[in-house]
Amino acid sequence: MADYVARVGGTADDVADMAALVEAGGFWRMAPERVPRTYAEPLPEVLRDVEDGLRRWLA
């Protein structure tokens, strides 16, 4: 987490506060109602495609 805090220029308290907000469901009050609250579990093939794409992007 310290690595993330250093990259975004915030403080550990900022990150902890945001994490607590999301865990408490506060994030959804910031998102419009049209944003789905539940998602279907992705198929393993889709996850492999995403992983392969990310690896290519990072290479």
C-alpha atoms as a PDB file:
ATOM      1  CA  MET A   1       0.000   0.000   0.000  1.00  0.00           C
ATOM      2  CA  ALA A   2       2.853   2.390   0.694  1.00  0.00           C
ATOM      3  CA  ASP A   3       3.912   2.003  -2.939  1.00  0.00           C
ATOM      4  CA  TYR A   4       0.438   3.026  -4.101  1.00  0.00           C
ATOM      5  CA  VAL A   5       0.324   5.988  -1.724  1.00  0.00           C
ATOM      6  CA  ALA A   6       3.696   7.202  -3.003  1.00  0.00           C
ATOM      7  CA  ARG A   7       2.495   6.976  -6.625  1.00  0.00           C
ATOM      8  CA  VAL A   8      -0.759   8.868  -6.117  1.00  0.00           C
ATOM      9  CA  GLY A   9       0.690  11.440  -3.744  1.00  0.00           C
ATOM     10  CA  GLY A  10      -1.891  10.893  -1.022  1.00  0.00           C
ATOM     11  CA  THR A  11      -1.487   9.665   2.509  1.00  0.00           C
ATOM     12  CA  ALA A  12      -2.070   6.243   4.004  1.00  0.00           C
ATOM     13  CA  ASP A  13      -5.099   7.724   5.786  1.00  0.00           C
ATOM     14  CA  ASP A  14      -6.567   8.829   2.427  1.00  0.00           C
ATOM     15  CA  VAL A  15      -6.241   5.309   1.037  1.00  0.00           C
ATOM     16  CA  ALA A  16      -7.642   3.728   4.203  1.00  0.00           C
ATOM     17  CA  ASP A  17     -10.582   6.150   4.148  1.00  0.00           C
ATOM     18  CA  MET A  18     -11.351   5.319   0.508  1.00  0.00           C
ATOM     19  CA  ALA A  19     -11.080   1.580   1.194  1.00  0.00           C
ATOM     20  CA  ALA A  20     -13.474   1.915   4.143  1.00  0.00           C
ATOM     21  CA  LEU A  21     -15.913   3.900   1.985  1.00  0.00           C
ATOM     22  CA  VAL A  22     -15.916   1.247  -0.754  1.00  0.00           C
ATOM     23  CA  GLU A  23     -16.207  -1.639   1.737  1.00  0.00           C
ATOM     24  CA  ALA A  24     -19.189   0.078   3.357  1.00  0.00           C
ATOM     25  CA  GLY A  25     -20.938   0.348  -0.006  1.00  0.00           C
ATOM     26  CA  GLY A  26     -20.358   4.092  -0.309  1.00  0.00           C
ATOM     27  CA  PHE A  27     -18.950   3.754  -3.809  1.00  0.00           C
ATOM     28  CA  TRP A  28     -22.338   2.776  -5.205  1.00  0.00           C
ATOM     29  CA  ARG A  29     -23.920   5.968  -3.934  1.00  0.00           C
ATOM     30  CA  MET A  30     -21.455   7.851  -6.159  1.00  0.00           C
ATOM     31  CA  ALA A  31     -22.254   5.778  -9.266  1.00  0.00           C
ATOM     32  CA  PRO A  32     -25.368   6.451 -11.364  1.00  0.00           C
ATOM     33  CA  GLU A  33     -28.263   4.003 -11.007  1.00  0.00           C
ATOM     34  CA  ARG A  34     -27.654   2.681 -14.543  1.00  0.00           C
ATOM     35  CA  VAL A  35     -24.361   1.107 -13.410  1.00  0.00           C
ATOM     36  CA  PRO A  36     -25.010  -2.574 -12.660  1.00  0.00           C
ATOM     37  CA  ARG A  37     -24.449  -3.600  -9.053  1.00  0.00           C
ATOM     38  CA  THR A  38     -23.946  -7.296  -9.775  1.00  0.00           C
ATOM     39  CA  TYR A  39     -22.030  -9.020 -12.532  1.00  0.00           C
ATOM     40  CA  ALA A  40     -21.971 -12.490 -14.026  1.00  0.00           C
ATOM     41  CA  GLU A  41     -18.810 -14.425 -13.290  1.00  0.00           C
ATOM     42  CA  PRO A  42     -16.586 -14.280 -16.391  1.00  0.00           C
ATOM     43  CA  LEU A  43     -15.825 -17.493 -18.221  1.00  0.00           C
ATOM     44  CA  PRO A  44     -12.296 -18.902 -17.841  1.00  0.00           C
ATOM     45  CA  GLU A  45     -11.705 -18.322 -21.580  1.00  0.00           C
ATOM     46  CA  VAL A  46     -12.514 -14.630 -21.180  1.00  0.00           C
ATOM     47  CA  LEU A  47     -10.154 -14.329 -18.218  1.00  0.00           C
ATOM     48  CA  ARG A  48      -7.386 -15.994 -20.218  1.00  0.00           C
ATOM     49  CA  ASP A  49      -7.978 -13.584 -23.120  1.00  0.00           C
ATOM     50  CA  VAL A  50      -7.813 -10.611 -20.755  1.00  0.00           C
ATOM     51  CA  GLU A  51      -4.657 -11.933 -19.113  1.00  0.00           C
ATOM     52  CA  ASP A  52      -3.016 -12.531 -22.500  1.00  0.00           C
ATOM     53  CA  GLY A  53      -3.959  -9.025 -23.641  1.00  0.00           C
ATOM     54  CA  LEU A  54      -2.560  -7.427 -20.487  1.00  0.00           C
ATOM     55  CA  ARG A  55       0.681  -9.390 -20.828  1.00  0.00           C
ATOM     56  CA  ARG A  56       1.040  -8.237 -24.461  1.00  0.00           C
ATOM     57  CA  TRP A  57       0.299  -4.649 -23.437  1.00  0.00           C
ATOM     58  CA  LEU A  58       2.906  -4.716 -20.679  1.00  0.00           C
ATOM     59  CA  ALA A  59       5.584  -6.427 -22.799  1.00  0.00           C
END
